[in-house]
Amino acid sequence: MTTTAPTDVYYDPYDVELNADPYPMFKRIREEKPLYYNETHDFYALSRFADVNAALIDKDTFSSARGAIIELIKANIEIPPGVLIFEDPPIHTMHRKLLSRMFTPRKISALEAKIREFCCQSLDPLIGTGKIDFIADLGAQMPMRTIGMLLGIPEEDQEAVRDFANEQMRTEEGKPMKASTEGMVSGELFEKYVDWRTEHPSDDIISELLNVEFEDETGTLRHLTRDEILTYVNVVSGAGNETTTRLIGWAGKVLAEHPDQRRELVRNPSLIPAAVEELLRFEPPAPHVARYVTRDIEYHGHTVPEGSAMMLLIGAANRDHRHFTPDGDVFDIHRESKPHLAFSVGTHFCMGSALARLEGRVALEEILKRFPEWEVDLSRAKLSPTSTVRGWESMPASF
């Protein structure tokens, strides 16, 4: 890439202070460096909505097969099969098809009553206490119970499973993630549940995975191997907890900062689905995703060479005023409905998006029903230490 005059436009995904509020820098990158290059960590980045959206769709130029995280791409390590987010078609298509049948609209819709019950169990004990932690009291509870129920994990083991999944995402503050797939694909924690369901099938994802018959990429009709099942369960467990937990944390903070809009939601709950979409756009739990560049490609007068690592800044694209008018940096539950990129797009569109939206809607309905007013205590709130997901470890509030 041709060098230009020195600039103070700098984005580092490992910079703790910068990531406390990356949006001012995202705005500068969009306007001043729409193709950004970080020399320190040797990656390119796209930030405008049109560029990021097109790159996510272009699976041939921007490959997921070496991972979707900068650290994994740079390490060039072998990705085991079954980790959906780290695969390209046709293998990704086969694996996705197997799991998608477990997340049909009908099956997701049938979960609403149970999700509401989980919310009530978490929120009712807080009535009269004057305080809530949006993560500890709800965000870390309801999604865990929901995905645990779907998988077939006993209630007494669900916290351990959630904590295991969360630990795989954590990094030492200010440092890259360890370049290893071990935690993401290791299914040892789930072996006993798979063994139990082998002998005692039920209506859950593990049982479905054990019994599904499919044609693999070689044309062979077969069942999943034990290792494949364990990898699938591990992937679903992690993905099922993370997004909704972060969404609930951001809802607590953002709605506290916009009390007039929060009161509108209390008066008119039919606005809540639009509020969930605006929260996802405004504070996407995954602010960036990475791809391996398979061929030379030009952006904004510069060439990105084959073999590069490209970071797609979803958090920046989701606030691009070219797509979200008049000002993408403004939170507005009445914003004209337009597609955002919080769940990606194209081949890797989030398979659990309908579930996350349902959980987010029900959580907001139940929170606002009980606690129409609250103030967050940012002095005690803590951002989660991870270079891949941006959200809160704790978000305490009083009401």
Protein backbone atom coordinates (compact mmCIF):
# COMPACT_ATOMS: atom_id res chain seq x y z
CA MET A 1 0.00 0.00 0.00
CA THR A 2 1.30 3.46 -0.90
CA THR A 3 2.34 5.45 2.16
CA THR A 4 0.78 8.82 2.83
CA ALA A 5 1.53 11.77 5.08
CA PRO A 6 1.78 11.01 8.82
CA THR A 7 -1.58 10.91 10.57
CA ASP A 8 -2.89 10.42 14.08
CA VAL A 9 -5.71 8.20 12.82
CA TYR A 10 -4.92 4.98 14.64
CA TYR A 11 -7.04 1.97 15.53
CA ASP A 12 -5.69 -0.85 17.68
CA PRO A 13 -8.19 -3.59 18.66
CA TYR A 14 -6.08 -4.36 21.74
CA ASP A 15 -5.99 -0.79 23.08
CA VAL A 16 -8.09 -0.86 26.27
CA GLU A 17 -8.51 2.91 26.52
CA LEU A 18 -9.46 3.26 22.85
CA ASN A 19 -11.97 0.43 23.03
CA ALA A 20 -13.72 1.98 26.00
CA ASP A 21 -15.26 4.24 23.33
CA PRO A 22 -14.02 3.39 19.82
CA TYR A 23 -16.65 5.41 17.96
CA PRO A 24 -14.83 8.76 17.65
CA MET A 25 -11.90 6.91 16.05
CA PHE A 26 -14.26 4.81 13.93
CA LYS A 27 -15.72 8.04 12.57
CA ARG A 28 -12.28 9.41 11.71
CA ILE A 29 -11.28 6.17 10.00
CA ARG A 30 -14.49 6.20 7.92
CA GLU A 31 -13.90 9.77 6.79
CA GLU A 32 -10.11 9.99 6.56
CA LYS A 33 -8.84 6.43 6.03
CA PRO A 34 -11.65 4.32 4.51
CA LEU A 35 -8.96 1.75 3.75
CA TYR A 36 -6.91 1.71 6.94
CA TYR A 37 -3.61 -0.10 7.46
CA ASN A 38 -2.16 -0.89 10.88
CA GLU A 39 1.59 -1.35 10.56
CA THR A 40 2.08 -2.51 14.16
CA HIS A 41 -0.22 -5.53 13.82
CA ASP A 42 -0.08 -5.80 10.00
CA PHE A 43 -3.74 -5.76 9.08
CA TYR A 44 -6.02 -3.71 6.83
CA ALA A 45 -9.47 -2.48 7.84
CA LEU A 46 -12.64 -1.36 6.09
CA SER A 47 -15.10 0.88 7.92
CA ARG A 48 -17.76 2.24 5.55
CA PHE A 49 -21.06 0.36 5.41
CA ALA A 50 -20.98 -0.29 1.65
CA ASP A 51 -17.42 -1.65 1.80
CA VAL A 52 -17.96 -3.85 4.87
CA ASN A 53 -21.30 -5.16 3.61
CA ALA A 54 -19.84 -6.08 0.20
CA ALA A 55 -16.77 -7.74 1.75
CA LEU A 56 -18.90 -9.88 4.08
CA ILE A 57 -20.88 -11.08 1.05
CA ASP A 58 -17.76 -11.72 -1.09
CA LYS A 59 -16.82 -15.08 0.44
CA ASP A 60 -14.40 -15.90 -2.40
CA THR A 61 -12.17 -12.86 -1.90
CA PHE A 62 -12.56 -12.68 1.88
CA SER A 63 -12.13 -16.19 3.23
CA SER A 64 -13.14 -17.43 6.68
CA ALA A 65 -11.23 -20.70 6.37
CA ARG A 66 -8.20 -19.41 8.32
CA GLY A 67 -10.38 -17.99 11.06
CA ALA A 68 -12.40 -14.84 11.63
CA ILE A 69 -10.01 -13.37 14.20
CA ILE A 70 -6.82 -11.50 13.32
CA GLU A 71 -4.71 -13.60 15.70
CA LEU A 72 -5.79 -16.88 14.09
CA ILE A 73 -5.34 -15.62 10.54
CA LYS A 74 -1.82 -14.38 11.30
CA ALA A 75 -0.90 -17.67 12.98
CA ASN A 76 -1.98 -19.69 9.90
CA ILE A 77 -2.98 -22.73 11.92
CA GLU A 78 -5.25 -25.54 10.79
CA ILE A 79 -8.91 -25.02 11.64
CA PRO A 80 -10.68 -28.27 12.58
CA PRO A 81 -13.96 -29.02 10.78
CA GLY A 82 -17.23 -28.06 12.43
CA VAL A 83 -16.31 -24.55 13.58
CA LEU A 84 -18.90 -22.88 11.35
CA ILE A 85 -17.62 -19.31 11.65
CA PHE A 86 -14.17 -20.48 10.48
CA GLU A 87 -15.28 -22.25 7.30
CA ASP A 88 -15.98 -21.48 3.66
CA PRO A 89 -18.44 -23.26 1.35
CA PRO A 90 -18.96 -26.03 0.46
CA ILE A 91 -17.99 -27.50 3.85
CA HIS A 92 -19.58 -24.55 5.65
CA THR A 93 -22.81 -25.02 3.69
CA MET A 94 -23.04 -28.66 4.74
CA HIS A 95 -22.36 -27.96 8.42
CA ARG A 96 -24.69 -24.96 8.49
CA LYS A 97 -27.52 -26.95 6.94
CA LEU A 98 -27.22 -29.54 9.69
CA LEU A 99 -27.49 -26.97 12.48
CA SER A 100 -30.02 -24.65 10.84
CA ARG A 101 -32.78 -27.25 11.12
CA MET A 102 -32.48 -26.82 14.90
CA PHE A 103 -33.07 -23.05 14.68
CA THR A 104 -36.16 -22.87 12.46
CA PRO A 105 -38.62 -19.98 13.02
CA ARG A 106 -41.18 -22.42 14.38
CA LYS A 107 -38.78 -23.86 16.93
CA ILE A 108 -37.57 -20.41 18.01
CA SER A 109 -41.09 -19.02 18.34
CA ALA A 110 -42.04 -21.94 20.57
CA LEU A 111 -39.37 -20.85 23.09
CA GLU A 112 -40.95 -17.51 24.01
CA ALA A 113 -42.92 -18.70 27.04
CA LYS A 114 -39.89 -20.47 28.51
CA ILE A 115 -37.60 -17.47 27.88
CA ARG A 116 -40.13 -15.22 29.61
CA GLU A 117 -40.23 -17.62 32.54
CA PHE A 118 -36.43 -17.48 32.82
CA CYS A 119 -36.59 -13.65 32.81
CA CYS A 120 -39.24 -13.60 35.52
CA GLN A 121 -37.23 -15.97 37.69
CA SER A 122 -34.23 -13.63 37.44
CA LEU A 123 -36.07 -10.30 37.82
CA ASP A 124 -38.83 -10.96 40.37
CA PRO A 125 -36.42 -11.36 43.33
CA LEU A 126 -35.04 -7.87 42.57
CA ILE A 127 -38.37 -6.09 43.07
CA GLY A 128 -38.09 -3.82 46.06
CA THR A 129 -34.30 -4.09 46.32
CA GLY A 130 -33.65 -0.84 44.45
CA LYS A 131 -30.79 -2.31 42.43
CA ILE A 132 -29.95 -4.53 39.48
CA ASP A 133 -26.85 -5.64 37.64
CA PHE A 134 -27.92 -6.09 34.04
CA ILE A 135 -25.24 -8.72 33.51
CA ALA A 136 -25.04 -10.67 36.78
CA ASP A 137 -28.78 -10.63 37.43
CA LEU A 138 -30.12 -11.23 33.92
CA GLY A 139 -27.59 -11.13 31.06
CA ALA A 140 -25.53 -13.98 32.48
CA GLN A 141 -28.62 -15.96 33.52
CA MET A 142 -31.42 -16.06 30.93
CA PRO A 143 -29.30 -16.78 27.80
CA MET A 144 -27.41 -19.48 29.73
CA ARG A 145 -30.65 -21.18 30.74
CA THR A 146 -32.09 -20.89 27.24
CA ILE A 147 -29.13 -22.39 25.40
CA GLY A 148 -28.66 -24.96 28.17
CA MET A 149 -32.27 -26.06 27.72
CA LEU A 150 -31.87 -26.22 23.92
CA LEU A 151 -28.71 -28.30 24.13
CA GLY A 152 -30.00 -30.56 26.88
CA ILE A 153 -27.56 -29.49 29.62
CA PRO A 154 -28.88 -30.09 33.17
CA GLU A 155 -29.64 -26.88 35.08
CA GLU A 156 -27.08 -27.63 37.78
CA ASP A 157 -24.30 -27.72 35.15
CA GLN A 158 -25.30 -24.71 33.06
CA GLU A 159 -23.21 -22.13 34.93
CA ALA A 160 -20.05 -24.21 34.48
CA VAL A 161 -20.76 -24.55 30.76
CA ARG A 162 -21.37 -20.79 30.44
CA ASP A 163 -18.18 -19.94 32.33
CA PHE A 164 -16.18 -22.34 30.15
CA ALA A 165 -17.51 -20.72 26.99
CA ASN A 166 -16.80 -17.22 28.31
CA GLU A 167 -13.27 -18.14 29.29
CA GLN A 168 -12.43 -19.03 25.69
CA MET A 169 -13.19 -15.43 24.68
CA ARG A 170 -11.20 -13.71 27.40
CA THR A 171 -7.81 -12.12 26.86
CA GLU A 172 -5.30 -10.37 29.06
CA GLU A 173 -6.14 -6.67 28.90
CA GLY A 174 -4.33 -4.93 26.07
CA LYS A 175 -2.96 -8.16 24.60
CA PRO A 176 -3.98 -10.31 21.60
CA MET A 177 -5.97 -13.49 21.97
CA LYS A 178 -3.88 -16.67 22.14
CA ALA A 179 -3.66 -18.00 18.58
CA SER A 180 -5.16 -21.42 19.23
CA THR A 181 -8.38 -23.22 18.33
CA GLU A 182 -8.07 -25.62 21.25
CA GLY A 183 -10.67 -23.98 23.47
CA MET A 184 -13.07 -23.38 20.62
CA VAL A 185 -13.23 -26.96 19.46
CA SER A 186 -12.44 -28.95 22.61
CA GLY A 187 -15.63 -30.74 23.57
CA GLU A 188 -14.41 -32.62 26.62
CA LEU A 189 -16.78 -30.71 28.89
CA PHE A 190 -19.74 -32.06 26.90
CA GLU A 191 -18.72 -35.71 26.62
CA LYS A 192 -20.87 -36.90 29.52
CA TYR A 193 -23.96 -35.20 28.08
CA VAL A 194 -23.40 -36.77 24.67
CA ASP A 195 -22.91 -40.18 26.32
CA TRP A 196 -26.13 -39.75 28.31
CA ARG A 197 -28.17 -38.70 25.29
CA THR A 198 -26.79 -41.62 23.29
CA GLU A 199 -28.66 -43.90 25.70
CA HIS A 200 -31.49 -41.48 26.62
CA PRO A 201 -32.52 -39.41 23.57
CA SER A 202 -34.75 -36.41 24.15
CA ASP A 203 -36.03 -33.30 22.34
CA ASP A 204 -32.81 -31.29 22.34
CA ILE A 205 -29.93 -30.35 20.04
CA ILE A 206 -27.54 -33.05 21.29
CA SER A 207 -30.12 -35.75 20.56
CA GLU A 208 -30.76 -34.32 17.09
CA LEU A 209 -27.06 -34.23 16.31
CA LEU A 210 -26.68 -37.83 17.42
CA ASN A 211 -29.47 -39.02 15.15
CA VAL A 212 -29.13 -36.81 12.07
CA GLU A 213 -28.19 -38.55 8.82
CA PHE A 214 -26.71 -36.48 6.03
CA GLU A 215 -24.66 -36.56 2.85
CA ASP A 216 -21.17 -35.18 3.45
CA GLU A 217 -18.86 -33.35 1.01
CA THR A 218 -17.67 -36.69 -0.45
CA GLY A 219 -21.24 -37.80 -1.22
CA THR A 220 -21.23 -40.34 1.61
CA LEU A 221 -24.46 -40.80 3.59
CA ARG A 222 -23.48 -40.95 7.25
CA HIS A 223 -24.00 -39.81 10.85
CA LEU A 224 -21.82 -37.25 12.62
CA THR A 225 -18.73 -38.56 14.37
CA ARG A 226 -18.38 -38.11 18.10
CA ASP A 227 -15.72 -35.40 17.64
CA GLU A 228 -17.94 -33.53 15.20
CA ILE A 229 -20.84 -33.56 17.66
CA LEU A 230 -18.63 -32.29 20.48
CA THR A 231 -17.33 -29.46 18.30
CA TYR A 232 -20.85 -28.47 17.25
CA VAL A 233 -22.09 -28.42 20.84
CA ASN A 234 -19.12 -26.33 21.95
CA VAL A 235 -19.67 -23.79 19.16
CA VAL A 236 -23.43 -23.50 19.82
CA SER A 237 -22.87 -23.18 23.55
CA GLY A 238 -20.47 -20.27 23.19
CA ALA A 239 -22.44 -18.43 20.51
CA GLY A 240 -25.72 -18.92 22.35
CA ASN A 241 -24.51 -17.18 25.48
CA GLU A 242 -22.39 -14.31 24.24
CA THR A 243 -24.49 -12.09 21.95
CA THR A 244 -27.60 -11.82 24.12
CA THR A 245 -25.59 -11.30 27.30
CA ARG A 246 -23.83 -8.31 25.70
CA LEU A 247 -27.11 -7.01 24.22
CA ILE A 248 -28.74 -6.90 27.66
CA GLY A 249 -25.75 -5.08 29.15
CA TRP A 250 -25.85 -2.45 26.40
CA ALA A 251 -29.61 -2.07 26.83
CA GLY A 252 -29.09 -1.18 30.48
CA LYS A 253 -26.49 1.48 29.67
CA VAL A 254 -27.91 2.99 26.48
CA LEU A 255 -31.50 3.26 27.73
CA ALA A 256 -30.26 4.88 30.95
CA GLU A 257 -28.53 7.49 28.78
CA HIS A 258 -31.72 8.04 26.75
CA PRO A 259 -34.46 8.18 29.43
CA ASP A 260 -37.03 9.84 27.14
CA GLN A 261 -36.83 6.94 24.68
CA ARG A 262 -36.91 4.45 27.56
CA ARG A 263 -40.17 6.05 28.80
CA GLU A 264 -41.60 5.74 25.31
CA LEU A 265 -40.91 2.01 25.42
CA VAL A 266 -42.67 1.77 28.79
CA ARG A 267 -45.72 3.59 27.42
CA ASN A 268 -45.69 1.69 24.11
CA PRO A 269 -44.07 -1.78 24.31
CA SER A 270 -44.81 -2.33 20.61
CA LEU A 271 -41.71 -0.17 19.97
CA ILE A 272 -39.44 -2.70 21.73
CA PRO A 273 -38.55 -4.80 18.62
CA ALA A 274 -37.36 -1.62 16.87
CA ALA A 275 -35.41 -0.67 20.01
CA VAL A 276 -33.66 -4.06 19.98
CA GLU A 277 -32.59 -3.49 16.36
CA GLU A 278 -31.35 -0.01 17.18
CA LEU A 279 -29.38 -1.32 20.17
CA LEU A 280 -27.77 -3.97 17.96
CA ARG A 281 -26.87 -1.34 15.38
CA PHE A 282 -25.68 1.24 17.89
CA GLU A 283 -23.62 -1.13 20.07
CA PRO A 284 -22.99 -4.38 18.17
CA PRO A 285 -21.62 -7.05 20.56
CA ALA A 286 -19.03 -8.06 17.91
CA PRO A 287 -17.59 -4.73 16.66
CA HIS A 288 -15.32 -6.36 14.09
CA VAL A 289 -14.63 -9.59 12.26
CA ALA A 290 -11.58 -10.60 10.23
CA ARG A 291 -11.03 -12.33 6.89
CA TYR A 292 -8.08 -13.71 4.91
CA VAL A 293 -7.68 -11.94 1.54
CA THR A 294 -7.38 -14.48 -1.30
CA ARG A 295 -6.50 -12.11 -4.15
CA ASP A 296 -5.24 -8.57 -4.76
CA ILE A 297 -8.13 -6.13 -4.45
CA GLU A 298 -8.32 -2.36 -4.69
CA TYR A 299 -10.05 0.02 -2.28
CA HIS A 300 -10.02 3.80 -2.42
CA GLY A 301 -7.04 3.97 -4.74
CA HIS A 302 -4.87 1.45 -2.87
CA THR A 303 -4.23 -2.25 -3.36
CA VAL A 304 -4.73 -4.81 -0.62
CA PRO A 305 -2.38 -7.67 -1.54
CA GLU A 306 -3.32 -11.33 -1.56
CA GLY A 307 -2.45 -12.97 1.76
CA SER A 308 -3.37 -9.94 3.87
CA ALA A 309 -5.54 -9.97 6.97
CA MET A 310 -8.58 -7.73 6.63
CA MET A 311 -10.55 -6.47 9.61
CA LEU A 312 -14.15 -5.51 8.84
CA LEU A 313 -15.18 -2.85 11.33
CA ILE A 314 -18.85 -3.66 11.89
CA GLY A 315 -19.09 -1.12 14.71
CA ALA A 316 -17.91 1.63 12.35
CA ALA A 317 -20.09 0.50 9.44
CA ASN A 318 -23.18 0.38 11.67
CA ARG A 319 -22.83 4.12 12.32
CA ASP A 320 -21.95 5.23 8.79
CA HIS A 321 -24.07 8.30 7.98
CA ARG A 322 -24.02 7.30 4.30
CA HIS A 323 -26.35 4.42 5.19
CA PHE A 324 -27.91 5.46 8.49
CA THR A 325 -29.20 8.99 8.03
CA PRO A 326 -29.02 11.65 9.24
CA ASP A 327 -26.45 10.75 11.93
CA GLY A 328 -25.43 7.18 12.68
CA ASP A 329 -23.89 8.20 16.00
CA VAL A 330 -27.34 9.09 17.37
CA PHE A 331 -29.41 6.43 19.16
CA ASP A 332 -32.99 6.62 17.88
CA ILE A 333 -35.62 3.92 18.34
CA HIS A 334 -37.69 5.68 15.63
CA ARG A 335 -34.91 5.43 13.04
CA GLU A 336 -35.98 4.29 9.59
CA SER A 337 -35.58 0.54 9.43
CA LYS A 338 -32.48 -0.42 7.44
CA PRO A 339 -30.33 -3.55 7.60
CA HIS A 340 -27.41 -3.40 10.02
CA LEU A 341 -24.42 -5.73 10.25
CA ALA A 342 -24.54 -6.82 13.91
CA PHE A 343 -25.45 -10.36 12.78
CA SER A 344 -23.20 -10.18 9.68
CA VAL A 345 -24.63 -10.83 6.22
CA GLY A 346 -24.26 -13.41 3.46
CA THR A 347 -22.80 -16.86 4.03
CA HIS A 348 -22.03 -16.21 7.70
CA PHE A 349 -25.26 -14.48 8.67
CA CYS A 350 -25.82 -15.43 12.32
CA MET A 351 -27.90 -18.59 12.53
CA GLY A 352 -29.05 -17.68 16.03
CA SER A 353 -30.17 -14.15 15.15
CA ALA A 354 -33.89 -14.94 15.57
CA LEU A 355 -33.20 -16.41 19.00
CA ALA A 356 -31.10 -13.40 20.07
CA ARG A 357 -33.82 -11.00 18.89
CA LEU A 358 -36.49 -12.96 20.75
CA GLU A 359 -34.43 -13.02 23.94
CA GLY A 360 -33.68 -9.31 23.63
CA ARG A 361 -37.35 -8.40 23.11
CA VAL A 362 -38.62 -10.52 25.99
CA ALA A 363 -35.85 -9.30 28.31
CA LEU A 364 -36.70 -5.64 27.59
CA GLU A 365 -40.43 -6.26 28.00
CA GLU A 366 -39.92 -7.85 31.41
CA ILE A 367 -37.33 -5.32 32.60
CA LEU A 368 -39.44 -2.29 31.66
CA LYS A 369 -42.58 -3.85 33.12
CA ARG A 370 -40.93 -3.99 36.55
CA PHE A 371 -38.37 -1.20 36.45
CA PRO A 372 -39.40 1.71 34.20
CA GLU A 373 -36.65 4.01 35.55
CA TRP A 374 -33.02 3.32 36.43
CA GLU A 375 -29.60 4.93 36.58
CA VAL A 376 -26.41 3.02 35.84
CA ASP A 377 -23.31 3.29 38.00
CA LEU A 378 -20.50 3.48 35.43
CA SER A 379 -17.90 3.88 38.20
CA ARG A 380 -18.54 0.23 39.11
CA ALA A 381 -19.29 -1.09 35.60
CA LYS A 382 -16.61 -3.22 33.96
CA LEU A 383 -15.96 -3.90 30.29
CA SER A 384 -15.27 -7.51 29.37
CA PRO A 385 -11.58 -8.13 28.52
CA THR A 386 -11.71 -9.61 25.04
CA SER A 387 -10.38 -8.51 21.67
CA THR A 388 -13.28 -10.05 19.73
CA VAL A 389 -16.47 -9.13 21.60
CA ARG A 390 -17.23 -5.77 23.18
CA GLY A 391 -19.59 -5.72 26.14
CA TRP A 392 -19.91 -5.55 29.88
CA GLU A 393 -18.83 -7.93 32.62
CA SER A 394 -20.99 -5.92 35.00
CA MET A 395 -23.49 -3.08 34.58
CA PRO A 396 -24.88 -2.16 38.01
CA ALA A 397 -27.85 0.20 38.25
CA SER A 398 -30.30 1.57 40.81
CA PHE A 399 -34.02 2.17 40.41
